[in-house]
PDB file of N, CA and C in Angstrom:
ATOM      1  N   MET A   1     -24.429  23.208 -25.783  1.00  0.00           N
ATOM      2  CA  MET A   1     -23.905  22.307 -24.766  1.00  0.00           C
ATOM      3  C   MET A   1     -22.563  21.749 -25.232  1.00  0.00           C
ATOM      4  N   ALA A   2     -21.642  21.625 -24.312  1.00  0.00           N
ATOM      5  CA  ALA A   2     -20.305  21.133 -24.626  1.00  0.00           C
ATOM      6  C   ALA A   2     -20.346  19.651 -24.970  1.00  0.00           C
ATOM      7  N   LYS A   3     -19.406  19.249 -25.844  1.00  0.00           N
ATOM      8  CA  LYS A   3     -19.270  17.827 -26.131  1.00  0.00           C
ATOM      9  C   LYS A   3     -18.833  17.124 -24.856  1.00  0.00           C
ATOM     10  N   LYS A   4     -19.119  15.836 -24.791  1.00  0.00           N
ATOM     11  CA  LYS A   4     -18.802  15.070 -23.585  1.00  0.00           C
ATOM     12  C   LYS A   4     -17.329  15.196 -23.202  1.00  0.00           C
ATOM     13  N   ASP A   5     -16.431  15.204 -24.189  1.00  0.00           N
ATOM     14  CA  ASP A   5     -14.996  15.284 -23.913  1.00  0.00           C
ATOM     15  C   ASP A   5     -14.562  16.672 -23.443  1.00  0.00           C
ATOM     16  N   ASP A   6     -15.373  17.694 -23.688  1.00  0.00           N
ATOM     17  CA  ASP A   6     -15.028  19.064 -23.318  1.00  0.00           C
ATOM     18  C   ASP A   6     -15.583  19.477 -21.964  1.00  0.00           C
ATOM     19  N   ARG A   7     -16.293  18.604 -21.303  1.00  0.00           N
ATOM     20  CA  ARG A   7     -16.937  18.968 -20.035  1.00  0.00           C
ATOM     21  C   ARG A   7     -15.910  19.221 -18.944  1.00  0.00           C
ATOM     22  N   ILE A   8     -16.214  20.205 -18.099  1.00  0.00           N
ATOM     23  CA  ILE A   8     -15.396  20.524 -16.938  1.00  0.00           C
ATOM     24  C   ILE A   8     -16.334  20.519 -15.731  1.00  0.00           C
ATOM     25  N   TYR A   9     -15.896  19.908 -14.641  1.00  0.00           N
ATOM     26  CA  TYR A   9     -16.697  19.842 -13.421  1.00  0.00           C
ATOM     27  C   TYR A   9     -15.988  20.583 -12.292  1.00  0.00           C
ATOM     28  N   ARG A  10     -16.776  21.333 -11.547  1.00  0.00           N
ATOM     29  CA  ARG A  10     -16.289  21.953 -10.306  1.00  0.00           C
ATOM     30  C   ARG A  10     -16.760  21.048  -9.178  1.00  0.00           C
ATOM     31  N   VAL A  11     -15.816  20.553  -8.392  1.00  0.00           N
ATOM     32  CA  VAL A  11     -16.139  19.656  -7.285  1.00  0.00           C
ATOM     33  C   VAL A  11     -15.727  20.345  -5.990  1.00  0.00           C
ATOM     34  N   ILE A  12     -16.679  20.481  -5.079  1.00  0.00           N
ATOM     35  CA  ILE A  12     -16.421  21.122  -3.791  1.00  0.00           C
ATOM     36  C   ILE A  12     -16.612  20.057  -2.714  1.00  0.00           C
ATOM     37  N   PHE A  13     -15.556  19.884  -1.901  1.00  0.00           N
ATOM     38  CA  PHE A  13     -15.625  18.863  -0.859  1.00  0.00           C
ATOM     39  C   PHE A  13     -14.829  19.298   0.369  1.00  0.00           C
ATOM     40  N   VAL A  14     -15.150  18.650   1.490  1.00  0.00           N
ATOM     41  CA  VAL A  14     -14.485  18.942   2.761  1.00  0.00           C
ATOM     42  C   VAL A  14     -13.335  17.965   2.950  1.00  0.00           C
ATOM     43  N   ASN A  15     -12.183  18.509   3.402  1.00  0.00           N
ATOM     44  CA  ASN A  15     -11.017  17.689   3.687  1.00  0.00           C
ATOM     45  C   ASN A  15     -10.301  18.283   4.896  1.00  0.00           C
ATOM     46  N   GLN A  16     -10.354  17.601   6.038  1.00  0.00           N
ATOM     47  CA  GLN A  16      -9.670  18.014   7.260  1.00  0.00           C
ATOM     48  C   GLN A  16      -9.925  19.489   7.612  1.00  0.00           C
ATOM     49  N   ASP A  17     -11.155  19.843   7.855  1.00  0.00           N
ATOM     50  CA  ASP A  17     -11.578  21.192   8.254  1.00  0.00           C
ATOM     51  C   ASP A  17     -11.297  22.271   7.205  1.00  0.00           C
ATOM     52  N   GLN A  18     -11.111  21.854   5.966  1.00  0.00           N
ATOM     53  CA  GLN A  18     -10.944  22.799   4.878  1.00  0.00           C
ATOM     54  C   GLN A  18     -11.900  22.420   3.759  1.00  0.00           C
ATOM     55  N   VAL A  19     -12.316  23.423   2.994  1.00  0.00           N
ATOM     56  CA  VAL A  19     -13.177  23.189   1.839  1.00  0.00           C
ATOM     57  C   VAL A  19     -12.318  23.338   0.586  1.00  0.00           C
ATOM     58  N   PHE A  20     -12.249  22.271  -0.202  1.00  0.00           N
ATOM     59  CA  PHE A  20     -11.497  22.271  -1.450  1.00  0.00           C
ATOM     60  C   PHE A  20     -12.467  22.515  -2.599  1.00  0.00           C
ATOM     61  N   GLU A  21     -12.078  23.378  -3.516  1.00  0.00           N
ATOM     62  CA  GLU A  21     -12.829  23.593  -4.752  1.00  0.00           C
ATOM     63  C   GLU A  21     -11.862  23.306  -5.883  1.00  0.00           C
ATOM     64  N   VAL A  22     -12.104  22.221  -6.607  1.00  0.00           N
ATOM     65  CA  VAL A  22     -11.213  21.810  -7.682  1.00  0.00           C
ATOM     66  C   VAL A  22     -12.005  21.645  -8.978  1.00  0.00           C
ATOM     67  N   TYR A  23     -11.277  21.650 -10.082  1.00  0.00           N
ATOM     68  CA  TYR A  23     -11.875  21.473 -11.402  1.00  0.00           C
ATOM     69  C   TYR A  23     -11.262  20.239 -12.043  1.00  0.00           C
ATOM     70  N   ALA A  24     -12.111  19.440 -12.699  1.00  0.00           N
ATOM     71  CA  ALA A  24     -11.637  18.197 -13.299  1.00  0.00           C
ATOM     72  C   ALA A  24     -12.452  17.870 -14.545  1.00  0.00           C
ATOM     73  N   LYS A  25     -11.859  17.033 -15.383  1.00  0.00           N
ATOM     74  CA  LYS A  25     -12.541  16.618 -16.613  1.00  0.00           C
ATOM     75  C   LYS A  25     -13.440  15.409 -16.413  1.00  0.00           C
ATOM     76  N   HIS A  26     -13.130  14.586 -15.400  1.00  0.00           N
ATOM     77  CA  HIS A  26     -13.916  13.366 -15.184  1.00  0.00           C
ATOM     78  C   HIS A  26     -14.253  13.207 -13.710  1.00  0.00           C
ATOM     79  N   VAL A  27     -15.533  12.985 -13.434  1.00  0.00           N
ATOM     80  CA  VAL A  27     -16.026  12.744 -12.076  1.00  0.00           C
ATOM     81  C   VAL A  27     -17.067  11.634 -12.170  1.00  0.00           C
ATOM     82  N   TYR A  28     -16.863  10.580 -11.384  1.00  0.00           N
ATOM     83  CA  TYR A  28     -17.829   9.491 -11.427  1.00  0.00           C
ATOM     84  C   TYR A  28     -17.788   8.656 -10.160  1.00  0.00           C
ATOM     85  N   GLN A  29     -18.828   7.847  -9.980  1.00  0.00           N
ATOM     86  CA  GLN A  29     -18.935   6.962  -8.826  1.00  0.00           C
ATOM     87  C   GLN A  29     -17.865   5.891  -8.932  1.00  0.00           C
ATOM     88  N   SER A  30     -17.145   5.674  -7.872  1.00  0.00           N
ATOM     89  CA  SER A  30     -16.064   4.700  -7.856  1.00  0.00           C
ATOM     90  C   SER A  30     -16.603   3.287  -7.690  1.00  0.00           C
ATOM     91  N   GLU A  31     -15.803   2.318  -8.102  1.00  0.00           N
ATOM     92  CA  GLU A  31     -16.140   0.922  -7.835  1.00  0.00           C
ATOM     93  C   GLU A  31     -15.935   0.603  -6.357  1.00  0.00           C
ATOM     94  N   MET A  32     -15.106   1.417  -5.672  1.00  0.00           N
ATOM     95  CA  MET A  32     -14.959   1.276  -4.216  1.00  0.00           C
ATOM     96  C   MET A  32     -16.187   1.914  -3.592  1.00  0.00           C
ATOM     97  N   TRP A  33     -16.942   1.145  -2.867  1.00  0.00           N
ATOM     98  CA  TRP A  33     -18.203   1.624  -2.312  1.00  0.00           C
ATOM     99  C   TRP A  33     -17.978   2.853  -1.434  1.00  0.00           C
ATOM    100  N   GLY A  34     -18.774   3.895  -1.679  1.00  0.00           N
ATOM    101  CA  GLY A  34     -18.751   5.082  -0.836  1.00  0.00           C
ATOM    102  C   GLY A  34     -17.777   6.157  -1.272  1.00  0.00           C
ATOM    103  N   PHE A  35     -17.167   6.014  -2.446  1.00  0.00           N
ATOM    104  CA  PHE A  35     -16.199   7.002  -2.920  1.00  0.00           C
ATOM    105  C   PHE A  35     -16.571   7.532  -4.300  1.00  0.00           C
ATOM    106  N   LEU A  36     -16.167   8.764  -4.539  1.00  0.00           N
ATOM    107  CA  LEU A  36     -16.302   9.417  -5.829  1.00  0.00           C
ATOM    108  C   LEU A  36     -14.899   9.522  -6.414  1.00  0.00           C
ATOM    109  N   GLU A  37     -14.742   9.254  -7.699  1.00  0.00           N
ATOM    110  CA  GLU A  37     -13.432   9.365  -8.351  1.00  0.00           C
ATOM    111  C   GLU A  37     -13.360  10.679  -9.127  1.00  0.00           C
ATOM    112  N   ILE A  38     -12.240  11.353  -8.977  1.00  0.00           N
ATOM    113  CA  ILE A  38     -11.986  12.602  -9.692  1.00  0.00           C
ATOM    114  C   ILE A  38     -10.706  12.401 -10.487  1.00  0.00           C
ATOM    115  N   GLU A  39     -10.775  12.627 -11.806  1.00  0.00           N
ATOM    116  CA  GLU A  39      -9.617  12.434 -12.684  1.00  0.00           C
ATOM    117  C   GLU A  39      -9.367  13.676 -13.527  1.00  0.00           C
ATOM    118  N   GLU A  40      -8.128  13.823 -13.955  1.00  0.00           N
ATOM    119  CA  GLU A  40      -7.684  14.898 -14.841  1.00  0.00           C
ATOM    120  C   GLU A  40      -8.031  16.275 -14.282  1.00  0.00           C
ATOM    121  N   PHE A  41      -7.349  16.618 -13.193  1.00  0.00           N
ATOM    122  CA  PHE A  41      -7.537  17.932 -12.585  1.00  0.00           C
ATOM    123  C   PHE A  41      -7.141  19.017 -13.576  1.00  0.00           C
ATOM    124  N   VAL A  42      -7.863  20.135 -13.528  1.00  0.00           N
ATOM    125  CA  VAL A  42      -7.607  21.260 -14.428  1.00  0.00           C
ATOM    126  C   VAL A  42      -7.251  22.469 -13.575  1.00  0.00           C
ATOM    127  N   PHE A  43      -6.100  23.060 -13.876  1.00  0.00           N
ATOM    128  CA  PHE A  43      -5.656  24.258 -13.163  1.00  0.00           C
ATOM    129  C   PHE A  43      -5.426  25.368 -14.171  1.00  0.00           C
ATOM    130  N   GLY A  44      -5.264  26.604 -13.679  1.00  0.00           N
ATOM    131  CA  GLY A  44      -5.067  27.759 -14.546  1.00  0.00           C
ATOM    132  C   GLY A  44      -3.902  27.587 -15.496  1.00  0.00           C
ATOM    133  N   SER A  45      -3.866  28.403 -16.498  1.00  0.00           N
ATOM    134  CA  SER A  45      -2.844  28.348 -17.533  1.00  0.00           C
ATOM    135  C   SER A  45      -1.469  28.710 -16.981  1.00  0.00           C
ATOM    136  N   GLN A  46      -0.444  28.043 -17.470  1.00  0.00           N
ATOM    137  CA  GLN A  46       0.930  28.342 -17.080  1.00  0.00           C
ATOM    138  C   GLN A  46       1.340  29.744 -17.523  1.00  0.00           C
ATOM    139  N   SER A  47       0.663  30.298 -18.535  1.00  0.00           N
ATOM    140  CA  SER A  47       1.053  31.602 -19.063  1.00  0.00           C
ATOM    141  C   SER A  47       0.419  32.771 -18.317  1.00  0.00           C
ATOM    142  N   ASP A  48      -0.412  32.487 -17.298  1.00  0.00           N
ATOM    143  CA  ASP A  48      -1.028  33.555 -16.522  1.00  0.00           C
ATOM    144  C   ASP A  48       0.041  34.383 -15.818  1.00  0.00           C
ATOM    145  N   LEU A  49      -0.107  35.698 -15.872  1.00  0.00           N
ATOM    146  CA  LEU A  49       0.862  36.574 -15.226  1.00  0.00           C
ATOM    147  C   LEU A  49       0.693  36.606 -13.713  1.00  0.00           C
ATOM    148  N   VAL A  50      -0.538  36.524 -13.256  1.00  0.00           N
ATOM    149  CA  VAL A  50      -0.822  36.551 -11.822  1.00  0.00           C
ATOM    150  C   VAL A  50      -1.001  35.111 -11.339  1.00  0.00           C
ATOM    151  N   ILE A  51      -0.243  34.729 -10.324  1.00  0.00           N
ATOM    152  CA  ILE A  51      -0.327  33.376  -9.773  1.00  0.00           C
ATOM    153  C   ILE A  51      -1.061  33.445  -8.446  1.00  0.00           C
ATOM    154  N   ASP A  52      -2.146  32.683  -8.335  1.00  0.00           N
ATOM    155  CA  ASP A  52      -2.926  32.625  -7.108  1.00  0.00           C
ATOM    156  C   ASP A  52      -2.268  31.614  -6.167  1.00  0.00           C
ATOM    157  N   PRO A  53      -1.838  32.031  -4.950  1.00  0.00           N
ATOM    158  CA  PRO A  53      -1.154  31.104  -4.044  1.00  0.00           C
ATOM    159  C   PRO A  53      -2.025  29.920  -3.621  1.00  0.00           C
ATOM    160  N   GLY A  54      -3.341  30.132  -3.483  1.00  0.00           N
ATOM    161  CA  GLY A  54      -4.241  29.034  -3.110  1.00  0.00           C
ATOM    162  C   GLY A  54      -4.316  27.985  -4.196  1.00  0.00           C
ATOM    163  N   GLU A  55      -4.417  28.450  -5.435  1.00  0.00           N
ATOM    164  CA  GLU A  55      -4.461  27.512  -6.557  1.00  0.00           C
ATOM    165  C   GLU A  55      -3.114  26.799  -6.702  1.00  0.00           C
ATOM    166  N   GLU A  56      -2.034  27.530  -6.478  1.00  0.00           N
ATOM    167  CA  GLU A  56      -0.698  26.943  -6.579  1.00  0.00           C
ATOM    168  C   GLU A  56      -0.510  25.850  -5.524  1.00  0.00           C
ATOM    169  N   LYS A  57      -1.081  26.062  -4.322  1.00  0.00           N
ATOM    170  CA  LYS A  57      -1.008  25.058  -3.250  1.00  0.00           C
ATOM    171  C   LYS A  57      -1.730  23.773  -3.673  1.00  0.00           C
ATOM    172  N   LEU A  58      -2.922  23.925  -4.248  1.00  0.00           N
ATOM    173  CA  LEU A  58      -3.673  22.754  -4.706  1.00  0.00           C
ATOM    174  C   LEU A  58      -2.963  22.073  -5.875  1.00  0.00           C
ATOM    175  N   LYS A  59      -2.427  22.869  -6.758  1.00  0.00           N
ATOM    176  CA  LYS A  59      -1.713  22.324  -7.913  1.00  0.00           C
ATOM    177  C   LYS A  59      -0.538  21.459  -7.444  1.00  0.00           C
ATOM    178  N   ASN A  60       0.187  21.941  -6.446  1.00  0.00           N
ATOM    179  CA  ASN A  60       1.300  21.168  -5.900  1.00  0.00           C
ATOM    180  C   ASN A  60       0.810  19.921  -5.171  1.00  0.00           C
ATOM    181  N   GLN A  61      -0.292  20.058  -4.429  1.00  0.00           N
ATOM    182  CA  GLN A  61      -0.827  18.926  -3.672  1.00  0.00           C
ATOM    183  C   GLN A  61      -1.291  17.805  -4.599  1.00  0.00           C
ATOM    184  N   PHE A  62      -1.869  18.157  -5.745  1.00  0.00           N
ATOM    185  CA  PHE A  62      -2.384  17.147  -6.670  1.00  0.00           C
ATOM    186  C   PHE A  62      -1.420  16.856  -7.819  1.00  0.00           C
ATOM    187  N   SER A  63      -0.217  17.390  -7.740  1.00  0.00           N
ATOM    188  CA  SER A  63       0.796  17.122  -8.757  1.00  0.00           C
ATOM    189  C   SER A  63       1.124  15.634  -8.780  1.00  0.00           C
ATOM    190  N   GLY A  64       1.050  15.035  -9.943  1.00  0.00           N
ATOM    191  CA  GLY A  64       1.345  13.615 -10.072  1.00  0.00           C
ATOM    192  C   GLY A  64       0.208  12.694  -9.680  1.00  0.00           C
ATOM    193  N   VAL A  65      -0.925  13.250  -9.255  1.00  0.00           N
ATOM    194  CA  VAL A  65      -2.085  12.430  -8.875  1.00  0.00           C
ATOM    195  C   VAL A  65      -2.869  12.084 -10.133  1.00  0.00           C
ATOM    196  N   LYS A  66      -2.981  10.809 -10.416  1.00  0.00           N
ATOM    197  CA  LYS A  66      -3.731  10.350 -11.588  1.00  0.00           C
ATOM    198  C   LYS A  66      -5.225  10.377 -11.309  1.00  0.00           C
ATOM    199  N   ARG A  67      -5.590   9.942 -10.106  1.00  0.00           N
ATOM    200  CA  ARG A  67      -7.006   9.824  -9.738  1.00  0.00           C
ATOM    201  C   ARG A  67      -7.108  10.045  -8.242  1.00  0.00           C
ATOM    202  N   SER A  68      -8.128  10.765  -7.818  1.00  0.00           N
ATOM    203  CA  SER A  68      -8.341  10.994  -6.393  1.00  0.00           C
ATOM    204  C   SER A  68      -9.688  10.397  -5.998  1.00  0.00           C
ATOM    205  N   TYR A  69      -9.701   9.729  -4.857  1.00  0.00           N
ATOM    206  CA  TYR A  69     -10.925   9.119  -4.334  1.00  0.00           C
ATOM    207  C   TYR A  69     -11.390   9.963  -3.147  1.00  0.00           C
ATOM    208  N   VAL A  70     -12.573  10.526  -3.255  1.00  0.00           N
ATOM    209  CA  VAL A  70     -13.126  11.374  -2.204  1.00  0.00           C
ATOM    210  C   VAL A  70     -14.352  10.668  -1.627  1.00  0.00           C
ATOM    211  N   PRO A  71     -14.420  10.538  -0.297  1.00  0.00           N
ATOM    212  CA  PRO A  71     -15.601   9.882   0.298  1.00  0.00           C
ATOM    213  C   PRO A  71     -16.877  10.642  -0.054  1.00  0.00           C
ATOM    214  N   ASN A  72     -17.928   9.913  -0.374  1.00  0.00           N
ATOM    215  CA  ASN A  72     -19.201  10.542  -0.747  1.00  0.00           C
ATOM    216  C   ASN A  72     -19.687  11.523   0.319  1.00  0.00           C
ATOM    217  N   HIS A  73     -19.481  11.197   1.594  1.00  0.00           N
ATOM    218  CA  HIS A  73     -19.988  12.066   2.650  1.00  0.00           C
ATOM    219  C   HIS A  73     -19.231  13.395   2.723  1.00  0.00           C
ATOM    220  N   ALA A  74     -18.079  13.510   2.052  1.00  0.00           N
ATOM    221  CA  ALA A  74     -17.309  14.757   2.060  1.00  0.00           C
ATOM    222  C   ALA A  74     -17.731  15.706   0.946  1.00  0.00           C
ATOM    223  N   ILE A  75     -18.505  15.210  -0.013  1.00  0.00           N
ATOM    224  CA  ILE A  75     -18.912  16.021  -1.159  1.00  0.00           C
ATOM    225  C   ILE A  75     -19.952  17.045  -0.728  1.00  0.00           C
ATOM    226  N   ILE A  76     -19.709  18.305  -1.108  1.00  0.00           N
ATOM    227  CA  ILE A  76     -20.684  19.367  -0.853  1.00  0.00           C
ATOM    228  C   ILE A  76     -21.503  19.621  -2.109  1.00  0.00           C
ATOM    229  N   ARG A  77     -20.793  19.700  -3.250  1.00  0.00           N
ATOM    230  CA  ARG A  77     -21.500  20.047  -4.487  1.00  0.00           C
ATOM    231  C   ARG A  77     -20.644  19.685  -5.689  1.00  0.00           C
ATOM    232  N   ILE A  78     -21.305  19.319  -6.801  1.00  0.00           N
ATOM    233  CA  ILE A  78     -20.645  19.089  -8.082  1.00  0.00           C
ATOM    234  C   ILE A  78     -21.425  19.850  -9.137  1.00  0.00           C
ATOM    235  N   ASP A  79     -20.718  20.678  -9.915  1.00  0.00           N
ATOM    236  CA  ASP A  79     -21.344  21.448 -10.989  1.00  0.00           C
ATOM    237  C   ASP A  79     -20.632  21.174 -12.299  1.00  0.00           C
ATOM    238  N   GLU A  80     -21.388  21.055 -13.379  1.00  0.00           N
ATOM    239  CA  GLU A  80     -20.768  21.053 -14.705  1.00  0.00           C
ATOM    240  C   GLU A  80     -20.685  22.514 -15.118  1.00  0.00           C
ATOM    241  N   VAL A  81     -19.474  22.984 -15.445  1.00  0.00           N
ATOM    242  CA  VAL A  81     -19.266  24.393 -15.763  1.00  0.00           C
ATOM    243  C   VAL A  81     -18.753  24.538 -17.193  1.00  0.00           C
ATOM    244  N   GLU A  82     -18.846  25.761 -17.726  1.00  0.00           N
ATOM    245  CA  GLU A  82     -18.414  26.004 -19.102  1.00  0.00           C
ATOM    246  C   GLU A  82     -16.899  26.030 -19.236  1.00  0.00           C
ATOM    247  N   HIS A  83     -16.198  26.499 -18.210  1.00  0.00           N
ATOM    248  CA  HIS A  83     -14.742  26.531 -18.225  1.00  0.00           C
ATOM    249  C   HIS A  83     -14.243  26.526 -16.796  1.00  0.00           C
ATOM    250  N   GLU A  84     -12.962  26.149 -16.615  1.00  0.00           N
ATOM    251  CA  GLU A  84     -12.422  26.069 -15.268  1.00  0.00           C
ATOM    252  C   GLU A  84     -12.297  27.450 -14.650  1.00  0.00           C
ATOM    253  N   GLY A  85     -12.370  27.477 -13.339  1.00  0.00           N
ATOM    254  CA  GLY A  85     -12.160  28.687 -12.572  1.00  0.00           C
ATOM    255  C   GLY A  85     -10.897  28.523 -11.759  1.00  0.00           C
ATOM    256  N   VAL A  86     -10.779  29.291 -10.712  1.00  0.00           N
ATOM    257  CA  VAL A  86      -9.605  29.223  -9.856  1.00  0.00           C
ATOM    258  C   VAL A  86      -9.849  28.191  -8.759  1.00  0.00           C
ATOM    259  N   ALA A  87      -9.007  27.176  -8.713  1.00  0.00           N
ATOM    260  CA  ALA A  87      -9.094  26.183  -7.649  1.00  0.00           C
ATOM    261  C   ALA A  87      -8.686  26.852  -6.345  1.00  0.00           C
ATOM    262  N   LYS A  88      -9.342  26.477  -5.238  1.00  0.00           N
ATOM    263  CA  LYS A  88      -9.009  27.136  -3.976  1.00  0.00           C
ATOM    264  C   LYS A  88      -9.292  26.243  -2.778  1.00  0.00           C
ATOM    265  N   VAL A  89      -8.662  26.621  -1.671  1.00  0.00           N
ATOM    266  CA  VAL A  89      -8.880  25.974  -0.375  1.00  0.00           C
ATOM    267  C   VAL A  89      -9.297  27.068   0.590  1.00  0.00           C
ATOM    268  N   THR A  90     -10.392  26.836   1.317  1.00  0.00           N
ATOM    269  CA  THR A  90     -10.837  27.781   2.329  1.00  0.00           C
ATOM    270  C   THR A  90     -11.104  27.027   3.618  1.00  0.00           C
ATOM    271  N   GLU A  91     -11.092  27.757   4.720  1.00  0.00           N
ATOM    272  CA  GLU A  91     -11.400  27.137   6.014  1.00  0.00           C
ATOM    273  C   GLU A  91     -12.888  26.824   6.059  1.00  0.00           C
ATOM    274  N   ALA A  92     -13.240  25.668   6.599  1.00  0.00           N
ATOM    275  CA  ALA A  92     -14.637  25.282   6.751  1.00  0.00           C
ATOM    276  C   ALA A  92     -15.206  26.030   7.951  1.00  0.00           C
ATOM    277  N   LYS A  93     -16.108  26.965   7.696  1.00  0.00           N
ATOM    278  CA  LYS A  93     -16.720  27.753   8.767  1.00  0.00           C
ATOM    279  C   LYS A  93     -18.199  27.415   8.843  1.00  0.00           C
ATOM    280  N   GLY A  94     -18.723  27.411  10.041  1.00  0.00           N
ATOM    281  CA  GLY A  94     -20.134  27.103  10.212  1.00  0.00           C
ATOM    282  C   GLY A  94     -20.376  25.606  10.105  1.00  0.00           C
ATOM    283  N   SER A  95     -21.612  25.239   9.841  1.00  0.00           N
ATOM    284  CA  SER A  95     -21.937  23.820   9.724  1.00  0.00           C
ATOM    285  C   SER A  95     -22.081  23.454   8.261  1.00  0.00           C
ATOM    286  N   ILE A  96     -21.541  22.326   7.916  1.00  0.00           N
ATOM    287  CA  ILE A  96     -21.649  21.810   6.554  1.00  0.00           C
ATOM    288  C   ILE A  96     -22.393  20.494   6.646  1.00  0.00           C
ATOM    289  N   THR A  97     -23.496  20.397   5.933  1.00  0.00           N
ATOM    290  CA  THR A  97     -24.309  19.203   5.970  1.00  0.00           C
ATOM    291  C   THR A  97     -23.691  18.124   5.107  1.00  0.00           C
ATOM    292  N   ALA A  98     -23.567  16.945   5.643  1.00  0.00           N
ATOM    293  CA  ALA A  98     -22.987  15.826   4.913  1.00  0.00           C
ATOM    294  C   ALA A  98     -23.933  15.364   3.823  1.00  0.00           C
ATOM    295  N   PHE A  99     -23.355  14.847   2.762  1.00  0.00           N
ATOM    296  CA  PHE A  99     -24.113  14.276   1.658  1.00  0.00           C
ATOM    297  C   PHE A  99     -24.850  13.051   2.180  1.00  0.00           C
ATOM    298  N   PRO A 100     -26.140  12.876   1.829  1.00  0.00           N
ATOM    299  CA  PRO A 100     -26.875  11.717   2.342  1.00  0.00           C
ATOM    300  C   PRO A 100     -26.260  10.410   1.851  1.00  0.00           C
ATOM    301  N   MET A 101     -26.183   9.442   2.736  1.00  0.00           N
ATOM    302  CA  MET A 101     -25.589   8.146   2.396  1.00  0.00           C
ATOM    303  C   MET A 101     -26.651   7.063   2.377  1.00  0.00           C
ATOM    304  N   THR A 102     -26.422   6.099   1.502  1.00  0.00           N
ATOM    305  CA  THR A 102     -27.296   4.927   1.489  1.00  0.00           C
ATOM    306  C   THR A 102     -26.714   3.891   2.441  1.00  0.00           C
ATOM    307  N   PRO A 103     -27.530   3.042   2.987  1.00  0.00           N
ATOM    308  CA  PRO A 103     -27.025   2.028   3.921  1.00  0.00           C
ATOM    309  C   PRO A 103     -26.069   1.064   3.231  1.00  0.00           C
ATOM    310  N   VAL A 104     -25.167   0.496   4.003  1.00  0.00           N
ATOM    311  CA  VAL A 104     -24.231  -0.498   3.487  1.00  0.00           C
ATOM    312  C   VAL A 104     -25.006  -1.757   3.136  1.00  0.00           C
ATOM    313  N   PRO A 105     -24.750  -2.306   1.927  1.00  0.00           N
ATOM    314  CA  PRO A 105     -25.466  -3.543   1.568  1.00  0.00           C
ATOM    315  C   PRO A 105     -25.117  -4.669   2.519  1.00  0.00           C
ATOM    316  N   LYS A 106     -26.109  -5.480   2.867  1.00  0.00           N
ATOM    317  CA  LYS A 106     -25.894  -6.622   3.767  1.00  0.00           C
ATOM    318  C   LYS A 106     -25.263  -7.771   2.999  1.00  0.00           C
ATOM    319  N   ARG A 107     -24.329  -8.430   3.655  1.00  0.00           N
ATOM    320  CA  ARG A 107     -23.680  -9.603   3.066  1.00  0.00           C
ATOM    321  C   ARG A 107     -24.355 -10.860   3.594  1.00  0.00           C
ATOM    322  N   ASP A 108     -24.501 -11.820   2.724  1.00  0.00           N
ATOM    323  CA  ASP A 108     -25.123 -13.090   3.133  1.00  0.00           C
ATOM    324  C   ASP A 108     -24.115 -14.001   3.768  1.00  0.00           C
TER     325      ASP A 108
END
């Protein structure tokens, strides 16, 4: 098993009729209710000879992003993986079931 600092997560979520698959070093529940925080995005090596246009699009979109907040209901799946893969964006086809949500806490 990888050390805690070496962990890589694949996070798949829906964003405006597209499915994003990204890789990151840190994924956790945000202090903002209803959001997941994703930090330290991981993209393919700069020395790769073949450049994937989909991954390059995501790399540009998340360039300079320190932390991304994704609504819990947009999350499809989170996996801890041994190493990063190719980040990609695909069209959302068919039905995608939303992540179950807990009720909003009542305020007194």
